[in-house]
Protein backbone atom coordinates (compact mmCIF):
# COMPACT_ATOMS: atom_id res chain seq x y z
CA MET A 1 -2.12 -0.35 22.02
CA ASN A 2 1.18 -1.32 21.09
CA LEU A 3 3.34 1.29 22.97
CA GLU A 4 6.40 -0.72 23.62
CA SER A 5 8.88 2.02 22.29
CA ARG A 6 9.18 5.73 22.46
CA LEU A 7 8.92 6.21 18.70
CA VAL A 8 5.61 4.31 18.81
CA GLU A 9 4.37 6.32 21.65
CA LEU A 10 5.32 9.54 19.83
CA GLU A 11 3.67 8.33 16.58
CA ASP A 12 0.52 7.30 18.49
CA LEU A 13 0.45 10.79 20.33
CA GLY A 14 0.86 12.69 17.10
CA ARG A 15 -1.99 10.62 15.62
CA GLN A 16 -4.16 11.32 18.62
CA VAL A 17 -3.50 15.13 18.41
CA GLN A 18 -4.30 15.19 14.66
CA THR A 19 -7.51 13.37 15.16
CA HIS A 20 -8.89 14.69 18.42
CA GLY A 21 -6.82 17.81 19.21
CA ARG A 22 -5.44 16.15 22.48
CA LYS A 23 -3.93 13.24 24.12
CA VAL A 24 -6.41 10.43 24.68
CA GLY A 25 -5.64 8.44 27.73
CA ALA A 26 -5.59 4.70 27.92
CA MET A 27 -8.65 4.58 30.40
CA GLU A 28 -10.65 6.69 27.99
CA MET A 29 -9.75 4.74 25.00
CA CYS A 30 -10.59 1.41 26.68
CA SER A 31 -13.77 2.83 27.92
CA LYS A 32 -14.72 4.11 24.30
CA ILE A 33 -13.79 0.60 23.05
CA GLU A 34 -16.11 -1.15 25.51
CA GLU A 35 -18.98 1.06 24.58
CA LEU A 36 -18.80 -0.32 20.96
CA THR A 37 -21.47 -2.64 19.81
CA VAL A 38 -21.56 -5.20 16.98
CA GLU A 39 -24.01 -2.96 15.13
CA ASP A 40 -21.35 -0.14 15.28
CA LEU A 41 -18.72 -2.30 13.79
CA LYS A 42 -20.95 -3.48 11.06
CA ARG A 43 -22.00 -0.08 10.16
CA VAL A 44 -18.43 1.11 9.96
CA ALA A 45 -17.20 -1.86 8.02
CA ARG A 46 -20.08 -1.29 5.32
CA MET A 47 -18.91 2.32 5.08
CA VAL A 48 -15.22 1.46 4.74
CA PHE A 49 -15.31 -1.60 2.56
CA GLY A 50 -18.18 -0.28 0.47
CA GLY A 51 -16.16 2.98 -0.32
CA LEU A 52 -18.85 5.18 1.34
CA VAL A 53 -16.39 7.15 3.57
CA GLN A 54 -16.19 10.85 2.54
CA ASN A 55 -12.95 12.50 3.40
CA PRO A 56 -11.71 16.02 3.20
CA GLY A 57 -9.01 15.09 0.70
CA LYS A 58 -11.77 13.91 -1.79
CA GLY A 59 -10.01 10.84 -2.65
CA THR A 60 -11.26 8.49 -5.44
CA GLY A 61 -12.60 5.84 -2.95
CA ALA A 62 -10.48 3.28 -4.69
CA PRO A 63 -9.06 0.84 -2.18
CA THR A 64 -5.35 0.95 -1.18
CA VAL A 65 -3.41 -2.13 -1.90
CA VAL A 66 -0.76 -3.11 0.35
CA VAL A 67 1.12 -6.45 -0.40
CA GLN A 68 3.32 -7.94 2.18
CA GLU A 69 4.75 -11.37 1.90
CA GLY A 70 6.32 -13.63 4.60
CA LEU A 71 9.10 -16.06 3.79
CA GLU A 72 8.34 -19.69 4.72
CA GLU A 73 11.24 -22.28 4.26
CA GLY A 74 10.74 -24.55 1.32
CA VAL A 75 7.71 -22.61 -0.14
CA ARG A 76 8.20 -20.81 -3.49
CA ARG A 77 6.78 -17.55 -3.99
CA LYS A 78 4.02 -17.09 -6.39
CA GLN A 79 3.81 -13.68 -8.31
CA ILE A 80 0.38 -12.45 -8.23
CA PRO A 81 -0.39 -10.32 -11.47
CA TRP A 82 -1.99 -6.94 -10.88
CA GLU A 83 -5.01 -8.03 -12.94
CA GLU A 84 -5.68 -10.78 -10.22
CA VAL A 85 -5.55 -8.12 -7.52
CA GLN A 86 -7.93 -5.93 -9.39
CA ASP A 87 -10.31 -8.91 -10.00
CA ARG A 88 -10.36 -9.65 -6.37
CA ILE A 89 -11.28 -6.06 -5.52
CA ALA A 90 -14.04 -6.25 -7.92
CA ARG A 91 -15.42 -9.70 -6.89
CA TRP A 92 -15.20 -8.60 -3.26
CA LYS A 93 -16.86 -5.31 -4.06
CA LEU A 94 -14.29 -3.10 -2.17
CA GLY A 95 -14.07 0.55 -2.63
CA ARG A 96 -16.47 2.63 -4.69
CA PRO A 97 -17.84 1.31 -7.87
């Protein structure tokens, strides 16, 4: 659950209160995770990656692109053009069509 610092704990608490209206304890959270089935995970993955999630903010359904690059000694960075990112999104059928 990644609760190694006070800041992370507070952020987690805030997210829980926003989502559930209360603090969710570790035992309850672990119990809920253990109840999940492979079919549950597949169903949610289809919804999320297929752009089928409906949210109150009425977003566009377009995927959010976050790029994070690590440094490796002796390896040159390769710039990835935005068009290539868009091509991959289309090829992998991410987001709403």
